[in-house]
All heavy atoms as atom14 arrays in JSON, in Angstrom:
{
  "sequence": "RERYLTLQRAMLSATSRLRGRLRDMLTRTSPEMARL",
  "atom14_mask": [
    [1, 1, 1, 1, 1, 1, 1, 1, 1, 1, 1, 0, 0, 0],
    [1, 1, 1, 1, 1, 1, 1, 1, 1, 0, 0, 0, 0, 0],
    [1, 1, 1, 1, 1, 1, 1, 1, 1, 1, 1, 0, 0, 0],
    [1, 1, 1, 1, 1, 1, 1, 1, 1, 1, 1, 1, 0, 0],
    [1, 1, 1, 1, 1, 1, 1, 1, 0, 0, 0, 0, 0, 0],
    [1, 1, 1, 1, 1, 1, 1, 0, 0, 0, 0, 0, 0, 0],
    [1, 1, 1, 1, 1, 1, 1, 1, 0, 0, 0, 0, 0, 0],
    [1, 1, 1, 1, 1, 1, 1, 1, 1, 0, 0, 0, 0, 0],
    [1, 1, 1, 1, 1, 1, 1, 1, 1, 1, 1, 0, 0, 0],
    [1, 1, 1, 1, 1, 0, 0, 0, 0, 0, 0, 0, 0, 0],
    [1, 1, 1, 1, 1, 1, 1, 1, 0, 0, 0, 0, 0, 0],
    [1, 1, 1, 1, 1, 1, 1, 1, 0, 0, 0, 0, 0, 0],
    [1, 1, 1, 1, 1, 1, 0, 0, 0, 0, 0, 0, 0, 0],
    [1, 1, 1, 1, 1, 0, 0, 0, 0, 0, 0, 0, 0, 0],
    [1, 1, 1, 1, 1, 1, 1, 0, 0, 0, 0, 0, 0, 0],
    [1, 1, 1, 1, 1, 1, 0, 0, 0, 0, 0, 0, 0, 0],
    [1, 1, 1, 1, 1, 1, 1, 1, 1, 1, 1, 0, 0, 0],
    [1, 1, 1, 1, 1, 1, 1, 1, 0, 0, 0, 0, 0, 0],
    [1, 1, 1, 1, 1, 1, 1, 1, 1, 1, 1, 0, 0, 0],
    [1, 1, 1, 1, 0, 0, 0, 0, 0, 0, 0, 0, 0, 0],
    [1, 1, 1, 1, 1, 1, 1, 1, 1, 1, 1, 0, 0, 0],
    [1, 1, 1, 1, 1, 1, 1, 1, 0, 0, 0, 0, 0, 0],
    [1, 1, 1, 1, 1, 1, 1, 1, 1, 1, 1, 0, 0, 0],
    [1, 1, 1, 1, 1, 1, 1, 1, 0, 0, 0, 0, 0, 0],
    [1, 1, 1, 1, 1, 1, 1, 1, 0, 0, 0, 0, 0, 0],
    [1, 1, 1, 1, 1, 1, 1, 1, 0, 0, 0, 0, 0, 0],
    [1, 1, 1, 1, 1, 1, 1, 0, 0, 0, 0, 0, 0, 0],
    [1, 1, 1, 1, 1, 1, 1, 1, 1, 1, 1, 0, 0, 0],
    [1, 1, 1, 1, 1, 1, 1, 0, 0, 0, 0, 0, 0, 0],
    [1, 1, 1, 1, 1, 1, 0, 0, 0, 0, 0, 0, 0, 0],
    [1, 1, 1, 1, 1, 1, 1, 0, 0, 0, 0, 0, 0, 0],
    [1, 1, 1, 1, 1, 1, 1, 1, 1, 0, 0, 0, 0, 0],
    [1, 1, 1, 1, 1, 1, 1, 1, 0, 0, 0, 0, 0, 0],
    [1, 1, 1, 1, 1, 0, 0, 0, 0, 0, 0, 0, 0, 0],
    [1, 1, 1, 1, 1, 1, 1, 1, 1, 1, 1, 0, 0, 0],
    [1, 1, 1, 1, 1, 1, 1, 1, 0, 0, 0, 0, 0, 0]
  ],
  "atom14_positions": [
    [[0.83, -1.21, 0.0], [0.0, 0.0, 0.0], [0.87, 1.25, 0.0], [0.59, 2.21, -0.75], [-0.91, 0.0, 1.23], [-1.78, 1.25, 1.36], [-2.64, 1.19, 2.6], [-3.44, 2.39, 2.75], [-3.0, 3.51, 3.33], [-1.76, 3.56, 3.82], [-3.78, 4.57, 3.43], [0.0, 0.0, 0.0], [0.0, 0.0, 0.0], [0.0, 0.0, 0.0]],
    [[1.89, 1.27, 0.83], [2.77, 2.44, 0.89], [3.5, 2.66, -0.44], [3.68, 3.8, -0.88], [3.79, 2.28, 2.02], [3.18, 2.35, 3.42], [2.4, 3.65, 3.62], [2.93, 4.73, 3.28], [1.25, 3.57, 4.11], [0.0, 0.0, 0.0], [0.0, 0.0, 0.0], [0.0, 0.0, 0.0], [0.0, 0.0, 0.0], [0.0, 0.0, 0.0]],
    [[3.89, 1.58, -1.08], [4.55, 1.72, -2.38], [3.57, 2.27, -3.41], [3.93, 3.14, -4.22], [5.11, 0.38, -2.84], [5.66, 0.42, -4.27], [6.51, -0.77, -4.6], [6.77, -0.87, -6.03], [7.63, -0.11, -6.69], [8.31, 0.82, -6.06], [7.83, -0.26, -7.99], [0.0, 0.0, 0.0], [0.0, 0.0, 0.0], [0.0, 0.0, 0.0]],
    [[2.34, 1.79, -3.41], [1.36, 2.28, -4.38], [1.11, 3.77, -4.18], [1.09, 4.56, -5.13], [0.04, 1.5, -4.26], [-0.78, 1.56, -5.54], [-0.81, 0.47, -6.41], [-1.48, 2.7, -5.9], [-1.54, 0.53, -7.59], [-2.2, 2.77, -7.08], [-2.22, 1.67, -7.92], [-2.93, 1.75, -9.11], [0.0, 0.0, 0.0], [0.0, 0.0, 0.0]],
    [[0.94, 4.19, -2.91], [0.7, 5.6, -2.63], [1.9, 6.46, -3.04], [1.72, 7.57, -3.57], [0.4, 5.78, -1.15], [-0.93, 5.21, -0.66], [-1.02, 5.31, 0.87], [-2.11, 5.92, -1.31], [0.0, 0.0, 0.0], [0.0, 0.0, 0.0], [0.0, 0.0, 0.0], [0.0, 0.0, 0.0], [0.0, 0.0, 0.0], [0.0, 0.0, 0.0]],
    [[3.12, 5.96, -2.8], [4.32, 6.7, -3.19], [4.38, 6.9, -4.69], [4.69, 7.99, -5.19], [5.58, 5.96, -2.7], [5.57, 5.91, -1.28], [6.84, 6.67, -3.17], [0.0, 0.0, 0.0], [0.0, 0.0, 0.0], [0.0, 0.0, 0.0], [0.0, 0.0, 0.0], [0.0, 0.0, 0.0], [0.0, 0.0, 0.0], [0.0, 0.0, 0.0]],
    [[4.06, 5.85, -5.44], [4.09, 5.94, -6.89], [2.96, 6.83, -7.42], [3.14, 7.54, -8.41], [4.01, 4.55, -7.5], [5.28, 3.71, -7.34], [5.04, 2.26, -7.72], [6.41, 4.29, -8.17], [0.0, 0.0, 0.0], [0.0, 0.0, 0.0], [0.0, 0.0, 0.0], [0.0, 0.0, 0.0], [0.0, 0.0, 0.0], [0.0, 0.0, 0.0]],
    [[1.82, 6.8, -6.77], [0.74, 7.72, -7.16], [1.17, 9.16, -6.99], [0.91, 10.01, -7.87], [-0.53, 7.45, -6.34], [-1.35, 6.28, -6.84], [-2.71, 6.21, -6.16], [-2.82, 6.46, -4.94], [-3.74, 5.88, -6.91], [0.0, 0.0, 0.0], [0.0, 0.0, 0.0], [0.0, 0.0, 0.0], [0.0, 0.0, 0.0], [0.0, 0.0, 0.0]],
    [[1.83, 9.47, -5.89], [2.31, 10.84, -5.67], [3.35, 11.23, -6.72], [3.35, 12.37, -7.2], [2.88, 10.97, -4.25], [1.82, 10.95, -3.16], [2.41, 11.37, -1.83], [3.34, 10.37, -1.31], [2.99, 9.38, -0.5], [1.72, 9.24, -0.12], [3.9, 8.52, -0.04], [0.0, 0.0, 0.0], [0.0, 0.0, 0.0], [0.0, 0.0, 0.0]],
    [[4.23, 10.31, -7.06], [5.25, 10.6, -8.07], [4.61, 10.86, -9.43], [5.02, 11.79, -10.16], [6.24, 9.43, -8.17], [0.0, 0.0, 0.0], [0.0, 0.0, 0.0], [0.0, 0.0, 0.0], [0.0, 0.0, 0.0], [0.0, 0.0, 0.0], [0.0, 0.0, 0.0], [0.0, 0.0, 0.0], [0.0, 0.0, 0.0], [0.0, 0.0, 0.0]],
    [[3.6, 10.07, -9.79], [2.92, 10.27, -11.06], [2.18, 11.6, -11.08], [2.21, 12.34, -12.08], [1.94, 9.11, -11.33], [2.63, 7.81, -11.71], [1.46, 6.53, -12.26], [0.8, 5.96, -10.69], [0.0, 0.0, 0.0], [0.0, 0.0, 0.0], [0.0, 0.0, 0.0], [0.0, 0.0, 0.0], [0.0, 0.0, 0.0], [0.0, 0.0, 0.0]],
    [[1.51, 11.93, -9.99], [0.77, 13.19, -9.91], [1.7, 14.38, -10.04], [1.43, 15.33, -10.78], [0.0, 13.26, -8.59], [-0.75, 14.57, -8.31], [-1.78, 14.85, -9.39], [-1.39, 14.53, -6.92], [0.0, 0.0, 0.0], [0.0, 0.0, 0.0], [0.0, 0.0, 0.0], [0.0, 0.0, 0.0], [0.0, 0.0, 0.0], [0.0, 0.0, 0.0]],
    [[2.82, 14.34, -9.32], [3.77, 15.45, -9.36], [4.33, 15.65, -10.76], [4.38, 16.77, -11.28], [4.9, 15.18, -8.37], [5.89, 16.18, -8.45], [0.0, 0.0, 0.0], [0.0, 0.0, 0.0], [0.0, 0.0, 0.0], [0.0, 0.0, 0.0], [0.0, 0.0, 0.0], [0.0, 0.0, 0.0], [0.0, 0.0, 0.0], [0.0, 0.0, 0.0]],
    [[4.75, 14.55, -11.4], [5.37, 14.64, -12.72], [4.37, 15.09, -13.77], [4.68, 15.96, -14.6], [5.97, 13.29, -13.1], [0.0, 0.0, 0.0], [0.0, 0.0, 0.0], [0.0, 0.0, 0.0], [0.0, 0.0, 0.0], [0.0, 0.0, 0.0], [0.0, 0.0, 0.0], [0.0, 0.0, 0.0], [0.0, 0.0, 0.0], [0.0, 0.0, 0.0]],
    [[3.16, 14.53, -13.77], [2.19, 14.88, -14.81], [1.66, 16.29, -14.63], [1.43, 16.99, -15.63], [1.02, 13.88, -14.81], [0.46, 13.78, -13.49], [1.5, 12.49, -15.24], [0.0, 0.0, 0.0], [0.0, 0.0, 0.0], [0.0, 0.0, 0.0], [0.0, 0.0, 0.0], [0.0, 0.0, 0.0], [0.0, 0.0, 0.0], [0.0, 0.0, 0.0]],
    [[1.48, 16.74, -13.4], [1.01, 18.11, -13.17], [2.04, 19.12, -13.68], [1.69, 20.12, -14.32], [0.74, 18.35, -11.69], [-0.31, 17.53, -11.23], [0.0, 0.0, 0.0], [0.0, 0.0, 0.0], [0.0, 0.0, 0.0], [0.0, 0.0, 0.0], [0.0, 0.0, 0.0], [0.0, 0.0, 0.0], [0.0, 0.0, 0.0], [0.0, 0.0, 0.0]],
    [[3.3, 18.85, -13.41], [4.38, 19.75, -13.85], [4.47, 19.77, -15.37], [4.56, 20.84, -15.99], [5.7, 19.31, -13.23], [6.86, 20.23, -13.53], [8.08, 19.86, -12.7], [8.52, 18.49, -12.93], [8.34, 17.47, -12.1], [7.69, 17.65, -10.95], [8.78, 16.26, -12.39], [0.0, 0.0, 0.0], [0.0, 0.0, 0.0], [0.0, 0.0, 0.0]],
    [[4.42, 18.6, -16.0], [4.51, 18.53, -17.46], [3.3, 19.2, -18.11], [3.45, 19.91, -19.11], [4.58, 17.07, -17.91], [5.94, 16.37, -17.85], [5.79, 14.93, -18.3], [6.96, 17.09, -18.7], [0.0, 0.0, 0.0], [0.0, 0.0, 0.0], [0.0, 0.0, 0.0], [0.0, 0.0, 0.0], [0.0, 0.0, 0.0], [0.0, 0.0, 0.0]],
    [[2.13, 18.96, -17.57], [0.91, 19.51, -18.16], [0.95, 21.04, -18.16], [0.61, 21.68, -19.15], [-0.3, 18.99, -17.39], [-1.63, 19.16, -18.11], [-2.69, 18.39, -17.37], [-4.02, 18.58, -17.94], [-5.13, 18.03, -17.48], [-5.06, 17.23, -16.41], [-6.31, 18.26, -18.05], [0.0, 0.0, 0.0], [0.0, 0.0, 0.0], [0.0, 0.0, 0.0]],
    [[1.39, 21.63, -17.05], [1.48, 23.08, -16.98], [2.52, 23.62, -17.94], [2.31, 24.66, -18.59], [0.0, 0.0, 0.0], [0.0, 0.0, 0.0], [0.0, 0.0, 0.0], [0.0, 0.0, 0.0], [0.0, 0.0, 0.0], [0.0, 0.0, 0.0], [0.0, 0.0, 0.0], [0.0, 0.0, 0.0], [0.0, 0.0, 0.0], [0.0, 0.0, 0.0]],
    [[3.65, 22.94, -18.06], [4.72, 23.38, -18.96], [4.26, 23.34, -20.42], [4.52, 24.28, -21.19], [5.95, 22.5, -18.76], [7.18, 22.91, -19.57], [8.35, 22.02, -19.2], [9.54, 22.32, -20.0], [10.4, 23.28, -19.73], [10.2, 24.06, -18.69], [11.46, 23.49, -20.5], [0.0, 0.0, 0.0], [0.0, 0.0, 0.0], [0.0, 0.0, 0.0]],
    [[3.56, 22.28, -20.79], [3.08, 22.16, -22.17], [2.0, 23.21, -22.47], [1.94, 23.73, -23.59], [2.54, 20.75, -22.42], [3.58, 19.63, -22.38], [2.91, 18.27, -22.58], [4.68, 19.84, -23.43], [0.0, 0.0, 0.0], [0.0, 0.0, 0.0], [0.0, 0.0, 0.0], [0.0, 0.0, 0.0], [0.0, 0.0, 0.0], [0.0, 0.0, 0.0]],
    [[1.17, 23.52, -21.48], [0.17, 24.57, -21.7], [0.84, 25.92, -21.96], [0.39, 26.68, -22.82], [-0.77, 24.66, -20.5], [-1.82, 23.58, -20.44], [-2.95, 23.98, -19.52], [-2.52, 24.18, -18.16], [-2.64, 23.27, -17.19], [-3.18, 22.1, -17.46], [-2.24, 23.52, -15.97], [0.0, 0.0, 0.0], [0.0, 0.0, 0.0], [0.0, 0.0, 0.0]],
    [[1.89, 26.22, -21.21], [2.61, 27.47, -21.43], [3.16, 27.53, -22.86], [3.14, 28.59, -23.5], [3.76, 27.61, -20.43], [3.27, 27.87, -19.01], [2.08, 28.23, -18.85], [4.06, 27.71, -18.07], [0.0, 0.0, 0.0], [0.0, 0.0, 0.0], [0.0, 0.0, 0.0], [0.0, 0.0, 0.0], [0.0, 0.0, 0.0], [0.0, 0.0, 0.0]],
    [[3.64, 26.41, -23.35], [4.16, 26.38, -24.72], [3.05, 26.56, -25.74], [3.24, 27.19, -26.79], [4.91, 25.07, -24.97], [6.18, 24.92, -24.15], [6.99, 23.34, -24.41], [8.34, 23.47, -23.23], [0.0, 0.0, 0.0], [0.0, 0.0, 0.0], [0.0, 0.0, 0.0], [0.0, 0.0, 0.0], [0.0, 0.0, 0.0], [0.0, 0.0, 0.0]],
    [[1.87, 26.02, -25.44], [0.73, 26.18, -26.35], [0.34, 27.65, -26.49], [-0.03, 28.09, -27.58], [-0.47, 25.37, -25.85], [-0.57, 23.91, -26.28], [-1.78, 23.27, -25.62], [-0.68, 23.79, -27.8], [0.0, 0.0, 0.0], [0.0, 0.0, 0.0], [0.0, 0.0, 0.0], [0.0, 0.0, 0.0], [0.0, 0.0, 0.0], [0.0, 0.0, 0.0]],
    [[0.41, 28.42, -25.4], [0.01, 29.82, -25.47], [0.91, 30.62, -26.4], [0.5, 31.68, -26.89], [0.03, 30.47, -24.07], [1.38, 30.51, -23.57], [-0.86, 29.72, -23.11], [0.0, 0.0, 0.0], [0.0, 0.0, 0.0], [0.0, 0.0, 0.0], [0.0, 0.0, 0.0], [0.0, 0.0, 0.0], [0.0, 0.0, 0.0], [0.0, 0.0, 0.0]],
    [[2.12, 30.13, -26.67], [3.04, 30.84, -27.55], [2.97, 30.36, -28.99], [3.73, 30.81, -29.85], [4.49, 30.67, -27.03], [4.72, 31.3, -25.67], [6.19, 31.28, -25.29], [6.69, 29.95, -24.98], [6.59, 29.37, -23.79], [5.99, 30.02, -22.79], [7.06, 28.17, -23.57], [0.0, 0.0, 0.0], [0.0, 0.0, 0.0], [0.0, 0.0, 0.0]],
    [[2.05, 29.41, -29.26], [1.98, 28.8, -30.58], [1.03, 29.54, -31.52], [1.4, 29.92, -32.62], [1.55, 27.33, -30.46], [2.47, 26.64, -29.61], [1.52, 26.65, -31.81], [0.0, 0.0, 0.0], [0.0, 0.0, 0.0], [0.0, 0.0, 0.0], [0.0, 0.0, 0.0], [0.0, 0.0, 0.0], [0.0, 0.0, 0.0], [0.0, 0.0, 0.0]],
    [[-0.2, 29.73, -31.09], [-1.2, 30.41, -31.9], [-2.38, 30.78, -31.0], [-2.53, 30.21, -29.91], [-1.68, 29.51, -33.05], [-2.46, 28.44, -32.54], [0.0, 0.0, 0.0], [0.0, 0.0, 0.0], [0.0, 0.0, 0.0], [0.0, 0.0, 0.0], [0.0, 0.0, 0.0], [0.0, 0.0, 0.0], [0.0, 0.0, 0.0], [0.0, 0.0, 0.0]],
    [[-3.24, 31.71, -31.44], [-4.42, 32.05, -30.63], [-5.3, 30.85, -30.35], [-5.83, 30.69, -29.25], [-5.13, 33.11, -31.48], [-4.05, 33.71, -32.31], [-3.1, 32.59, -32.62], [0.0, 0.0, 0.0], [0.0, 0.0, 0.0], [0.0, 0.0, 0.0], [0.0, 0.0, 0.0], [0.0, 0.0, 0.0], [0.0, 0.0, 0.0], [0.0, 0.0, 0.0]],
    [[-5.47, 29.99, -31.34], [-6.33, 28.81, -31.15], [-5.73, 27.87, -30.1], [-6.45, 27.31, -29.26], [-6.52, 28.07, -32.47], [-7.31, 28.82, -33.52], [-6.48, 29.89, -34.22], [-5.23, 29.9, -34.02], [-7.06, 30.72, -34.92], [0.0, 0.0, 0.0], [0.0, 0.0, 0.0], [0.0, 0.0, 0.0], [0.0, 0.0, 0.0], [0.0, 0.0, 0.0]],
    [[-4.42, 27.68, -30.16], [-3.76, 26.8, -29.2], [-3.75, 27.42, -27.8], [-3.81, 26.72, -26.79], [-2.34, 26.48, -29.64], [-2.24, 25.63, -30.9], [-2.96, 23.97, -30.73], [-4.57, 24.23, -31.51], [0.0, 0.0, 0.0], [0.0, 0.0, 0.0], [0.0, 0.0, 0.0], [0.0, 0.0, 0.0], [0.0, 0.0, 0.0], [0.0, 0.0, 0.0]],
    [[-3.68, 28.75, -27.74], [-3.75, 29.44, -26.45], [-5.11, 29.19, -25.8], [-5.21, 29.01, -24.58], [-3.51, 30.93, -26.63], [0.0, 0.0, 0.0], [0.0, 0.0, 0.0], [0.0, 0.0, 0.0], [0.0, 0.0, 0.0], [0.0, 0.0, 0.0], [0.0, 0.0, 0.0], [0.0, 0.0, 0.0], [0.0, 0.0, 0.0], [0.0, 0.0, 0.0]],
    [[-6.16, 29.17, -26.61], [-7.49, 28.89, -26.06], [-7.57, 27.45, -25.57], [-8.17, 27.17, -24.53], [-8.56, 29.15, -27.13], [-9.98, 29.19, -26.56], [-11.01, 29.5, -27.63], [-10.79, 30.77, -28.28], [-11.11, 31.95, -27.72], [-11.63, 32.0, -26.53], [-10.9, 33.07, -28.4], [0.0, 0.0, 0.0], [0.0, 0.0, 0.0], [0.0, 0.0, 0.0]],
    [[-6.98, 26.54, -26.32], [-6.96, 25.13, -25.9], [-6.24, 25.0, -24.56], [-6.68, 24.25, -23.67], [-6.26, 24.28, -26.95], [-6.01, 22.81, -26.59], [-7.32, 22.08, -26.33], [-5.22, 22.12, -27.7], [0.0, 0.0, 0.0], [0.0, 0.0, 0.0], [0.0, 0.0, 0.0], [0.0, 0.0, 0.0], [0.0, 0.0, 0.0], [0.0, 0.0, 0.0]]
  ]
}
């Protein structure tokens, strides 16, 4: 159980950080991508 929870936290941290970074890049691509 502790291992599963640890891996869930690692996945959440990594995906949240990547998702925000990719959104920032989208805003610099085009108006349509900024809306997305």
